[in-house]
Amino acid sequence: MKLASGSIFIINLLALQYLPVLCLSQDFDFFYFVLQWPGSYCDTKQRCCYPKTGKPSADFGIHGLWPNYNDGGYPSNCDPDSRFDKSEISSLIGSLEKEWPTLSCPSNDGVKFWTHEWLKHGTCSESELDQREYFEAALQLKQKANLLQALTSAGIKPNDEFYELEEIEDAIRQAVGFTPGIECNVDSSRNSQLYQVYLCVDTSGSDFIKCPLLPRAKCGSRIQFPKF
C-alpha cells in the first residue's frame, strides 16, 4: 500500500518529535560519585585556599556527580540553554558549603565550583534529575557512603601515616558494598597520597552499584593518608 506524501511527512514529523525524548533517556549509563580528601588537595603543588566560610572540616568533600558511559567515555556540557540558578538550591547552600566546599583560589563562596559542576556534568543528567535533585542526590550519597567513618573504623586515619592500598579499598567496599576506584596524587616529597575515591551510582542517582569500569589511577601499594 502506498502512502501519500502528506502522510509520510506527518509520520516523519512524529518520529522527529519523539527522537529527543529517546535520546535523553539513553544519554548515560551510570554516575561516578567522586569524593576528595582536602589534605591531599592542599598538599600538592597547586594552590589551596579555604572558602570564605573558613577552613572545611577534616572530611571528604564532594568533587562531583558525573554521568558516564560503560565504555569509559562521558558526556559533558549537554544543555547550552541551561543556567545555574542559585535560587533553586537556596535551602541547600549551608549543606553544600559543608559537604561540597571549594578549595580553589582565590577564596570564594563555592558558587563558581557548583556552577561548573552543574553545567559540565549535571546538565547531562537532566533526563533523570533537575538542578535541585542533582545536588540533593550528591548530598544524600555522601551521607550514605560516610567514607571517613568507614576508614577510621578500620583503623585507617588521616594522620600522615601510610596504609596498604588494599586495606583502604576493602574498608570502603565493606561500607558501600562495592569496590571503589582510588585516585592518588603525589606531594612535593614524592609520597603517593589518597586523593579521590570514585563510587559508582545508578542513573537515578540514589543507589551504589558495581562499577562497570573503574578509573585508571596510579597509586603505590602503600599510600599516605595526610592530615588536614
Protein backbone atom coordinates (compact mmCIF):
# COMPACT_ATOMS: atom_id res chain seq x y z
CA MET A 1 0.00 0.00 0.00
CA LYS A 2 1.43 3.37 -1.00
CA LEU A 3 1.26 6.29 1.42
CA ALA A 4 0.53 9.79 0.23
CA SER A 5 3.40 12.23 0.54
CA GLY A 6 1.43 14.15 3.19
CA SER A 7 1.12 11.01 5.34
CA ILE A 8 4.82 10.30 5.03
CA PHE A 9 5.57 13.87 6.12
CA ILE A 10 3.36 13.53 9.22
CA ILE A 11 4.96 10.18 10.16
CA ASN A 12 8.45 11.66 9.82
CA LEU A 13 7.44 14.69 11.86
CA LEU A 14 6.11 12.50 14.67
CA ALA A 15 9.30 10.45 14.63
CA LEU A 16 11.39 13.60 14.99
CA GLN A 17 9.25 14.77 17.91
CA TYR A 18 9.88 11.57 19.84
CA LEU A 19 13.58 11.31 18.98
CA PRO A 20 14.82 13.86 21.57
CA VAL A 21 12.91 12.03 24.31
CA LEU A 22 14.53 8.75 23.27
CA CYS A 23 17.98 10.32 23.24
CA LEU A 24 17.52 11.90 26.65
CA SER A 25 16.55 8.56 28.17
CA GLN A 26 19.73 6.92 26.87
CA ASP A 27 22.31 9.65 27.37
CA PHE A 28 24.41 7.97 30.10
CA ASP A 29 24.85 4.60 31.78
CA PHE A 30 25.84 5.39 35.37
CA PHE A 31 27.31 8.09 37.61
CA TYR A 32 30.75 8.39 39.10
CA PHE A 33 30.32 9.91 42.54
CA VAL A 34 33.70 11.44 43.37
CA LEU A 35 34.85 12.37 46.86
CA GLN A 36 38.06 14.26 47.51
CA TRP A 37 40.34 14.35 50.54
CA PRO A 38 41.20 18.02 51.21
CA GLY A 39 44.51 17.25 52.90
CA SER A 40 45.82 15.71 49.67
CA TYR A 41 44.47 18.51 47.50
CA CYS A 42 46.21 21.11 49.65
CA ASP A 43 49.41 19.05 49.90
CA THR A 44 50.13 19.17 46.20
CA LYS A 45 51.95 21.93 44.39
CA GLN A 46 48.67 23.51 43.26
CA ARG A 47 47.40 26.40 45.33
CA CYS A 48 44.82 25.73 48.04
CA CYS A 49 42.56 28.41 49.50
CA TYR A 50 39.92 27.89 52.15
CA PRO A 51 36.43 29.10 51.27
CA LYS A 52 35.10 32.37 52.67
CA THR A 53 33.20 30.39 55.30
CA GLY A 54 36.52 29.20 56.76
CA LYS A 55 38.55 26.00 56.79
CA PRO A 56 36.38 22.99 55.87
CA SER A 57 36.06 20.15 58.33
CA ALA A 58 38.59 17.32 58.09
CA ASP A 59 36.32 15.14 56.00
CA PHE A 60 35.98 14.02 52.40
CA GLY A 61 34.35 16.68 50.28
CA ILE A 62 32.23 16.14 47.20
CA HIS A 63 34.02 16.77 43.92
CA GLY A 64 31.16 15.83 41.67
CA LEU A 65 28.45 13.52 40.42
CA TRP A 66 29.46 12.69 36.86
CA PRO A 67 27.36 10.90 34.23
CA ASN A 68 29.45 8.27 32.49
CA TYR A 69 29.30 5.65 29.74
CA ASN A 70 30.13 1.98 30.22
CA ASP A 71 32.98 2.27 27.71
CA GLY A 72 34.75 4.90 29.82
CA GLY A 73 33.64 7.94 27.86
CA TYR A 74 31.37 10.60 29.28
CA PRO A 75 29.03 13.34 28.10
CA SER A 76 29.68 16.96 29.05
CA ASN A 77 28.02 20.37 28.72
CA CYS A 78 24.87 18.75 27.41
CA ASP A 79 22.43 21.65 27.62
CA PRO A 80 23.74 25.02 26.39
CA ASP A 81 20.40 26.59 27.32
CA SER A 82 20.65 25.52 30.96
CA ARG A 83 21.87 28.00 33.56
CA PHE A 84 22.88 27.50 37.15
CA ASP A 85 20.14 29.06 39.28
CA LYS A 86 21.23 29.57 42.87
CA SER A 87 17.63 30.17 43.94
CA GLU A 88 16.81 26.56 43.01
CA ILE A 89 19.12 25.29 45.75
CA SER A 90 18.82 28.12 48.27
CA SER A 91 17.82 25.77 51.09
CA LEU A 92 20.81 23.53 50.32
CA ILE A 93 23.52 26.21 50.47
CA GLY A 94 24.50 25.51 54.08
CA SER A 95 24.87 21.79 53.37
CA LEU A 96 26.79 22.43 50.15
CA GLU A 97 29.22 24.77 51.92
CA LYS A 98 29.92 21.99 54.43
CA GLU A 99 29.84 18.89 52.21
CA TRP A 100 30.86 20.32 48.80
CA PRO A 101 33.41 23.01 49.70
CA THR A 102 35.70 24.73 47.25
CA LEU A 103 39.45 24.82 47.79
CA SER A 104 40.32 26.82 44.69
CA CYS A 105 41.99 30.21 44.77
CA PRO A 106 41.23 32.99 45.32
CA SER A 107 38.98 32.24 48.29
CA ASN A 108 35.32 32.25 47.25
CA ASP A 109 31.86 31.13 48.32
CA GLY A 110 31.66 27.93 46.24
CA VAL A 111 29.10 29.12 43.69
CA LYS A 112 31.66 29.06 40.87
CA PHE A 113 32.52 25.43 41.69
CA TRP A 114 28.89 24.33 41.87
CA THR A 115 28.09 26.23 38.66
CA HIS A 116 30.90 24.45 36.83
CA GLU A 117 29.80 21.03 38.06
CA TRP A 118 26.18 21.63 37.08
CA LEU A 119 26.94 22.98 33.60
CA LYS A 120 29.58 20.38 32.71
CA HIS A 121 28.11 17.30 34.38
CA GLY A 122 24.70 18.00 35.85
CA THR A 123 23.13 19.08 32.59
CA CYS A 124 23.95 15.63 31.20
CA SER A 125 21.69 14.03 33.81
CA GLU A 126 18.62 16.19 33.17
CA SER A 127 16.74 13.19 31.82
CA GLU A 128 16.77 11.92 35.43
CA LEU A 129 17.48 14.86 37.73
CA ASP A 130 16.71 18.56 37.65
CA GLN A 131 19.17 21.00 39.22
CA ARG A 132 17.87 20.75 42.77
CA GLU A 133 17.55 16.96 42.59
CA TYR A 134 21.11 16.71 41.27
CA PHE A 135 22.64 18.50 44.25
CA GLU A 136 20.31 16.76 46.70
CA ALA A 137 21.36 13.38 45.30
CA ALA A 138 25.06 14.16 45.81
CA LEU A 139 24.49 15.29 49.40
CA GLN A 140 22.49 12.15 50.20
CA LEU A 141 25.12 9.89 48.61
CA LYS A 142 27.85 11.46 50.74
CA GLN A 143 25.91 10.71 53.90
CA LYS A 144 25.20 7.17 52.73
CA ALA A 145 28.87 6.45 51.94
CA ASN A 146 30.26 8.04 55.13
CA LEU A 147 33.79 7.32 53.93
CA LEU A 148 35.76 8.84 56.79
CA GLN A 149 33.82 6.79 59.32
CA ALA A 150 34.36 3.64 57.25
CA LEU A 151 38.10 4.20 57.13
CA THR A 152 38.60 5.25 60.74
CA SER A 153 36.57 2.25 61.91
CA ALA A 154 39.09 0.09 60.05
CA GLY A 155 41.98 1.85 61.80
CA ILE A 156 42.82 4.00 58.76
CA LYS A 157 43.12 7.59 59.95
CA PRO A 158 44.25 10.90 58.40
CA ASN A 159 47.43 11.10 60.46
CA ASP A 160 50.15 11.26 57.77
CA GLU A 161 50.72 7.51 58.13
CA PHE A 162 50.97 5.06 55.22
CA TYR A 163 48.40 2.31 54.66
CA GLU A 164 48.08 -0.58 52.28
CA LEU A 165 46.00 0.36 49.25
CA GLU A 166 44.15 -2.96 49.51
CA GLU A 167 43.19 -2.18 53.13
CA ILE A 168 41.69 1.14 52.06
CA GLU A 169 39.77 -0.47 49.21
CA ASP A 170 38.48 -3.22 51.48
CA ALA A 171 37.29 -0.80 54.18
CA ILE A 172 35.31 1.19 51.62
CA ARG A 173 33.96 -1.96 49.98
CA GLN A 174 32.71 -3.15 53.36
CA ALA A 175 30.89 0.17 53.85
CA VAL A 176 29.24 0.67 50.46
CA GLY A 177 29.10 -2.90 49.18
CA PHE A 178 31.22 -2.39 46.07
CA THR A 179 34.87 -1.93 45.13
CA PRO A 180 35.80 1.75 44.81
CA GLY A 181 38.19 3.41 42.41
CA ILE A 182 41.08 5.11 44.23
CA GLU A 183 42.99 8.04 42.75
CA CYS A 184 46.28 9.16 44.24
CA ASN A 185 48.32 12.32 43.93
CA VAL A 186 51.99 12.89 44.66
CA ASP A 187 53.17 15.54 47.09
CA SER A 188 56.42 17.51 46.95
CA SER A 189 58.20 14.69 48.80
CA ARG A 190 57.06 12.21 46.11
CA ASN A 191 54.69 10.46 48.51
CA SER A 192 51.69 8.72 46.94
CA GLN A 193 48.61 10.03 48.75
CA LEU A 194 44.94 9.10 49.00
CA TYR A 195 43.36 11.83 46.90
CA GLN A 196 39.98 10.87 45.42
CA VAL A 197 37.52 8.00 45.78
CA TYR A 198 35.22 7.00 42.91
CA LEU A 199 31.97 5.23 43.70
CA CYS A 200 29.50 4.15 41.02
CA VAL A 201 25.83 5.04 41.24
CA ASP A 202 22.78 4.06 39.20
CA THR A 203 21.19 6.52 36.78
CA SER A 204 18.58 7.59 39.34
CA GLY A 205 21.41 8.97 41.46
CA SER A 206 20.25 7.06 44.54
CA ASP A 207 21.98 3.66 44.86
CA PHE A 208 25.58 2.48 44.72
CA ILE A 209 26.28 -0.19 42.12
CA LYS A 210 29.18 -2.30 40.94
CA CYS A 211 31.37 -0.13 38.75
CA PRO A 212 31.10 -1.06 35.06
CA LEU A 213 34.57 0.43 34.75
CA LEU A 214 36.99 1.66 37.40
CA PRO A 215 39.11 4.70 36.56
CA ARG A 216 42.78 4.07 35.99
CA ALA A 217 44.79 5.68 38.74
CA LYS A 218 48.46 5.48 39.61
CA CYS A 219 48.79 4.54 43.27
CA GLY A 220 51.56 2.84 45.14
CA SER A 221 50.83 -0.32 47.12
CA ARG A 222 51.15 1.80 50.26
CA ILE A 223 49.72 5.29 50.27
CA GLN A 224 49.68 8.17 52.71
CA PHE A 225 46.53 9.49 54.36
CA PRO A 226 47.64 13.06 55.13
CA LYS A 227 46.41 15.28 57.91
CA PHE A 228 44.17 18.25 57.18
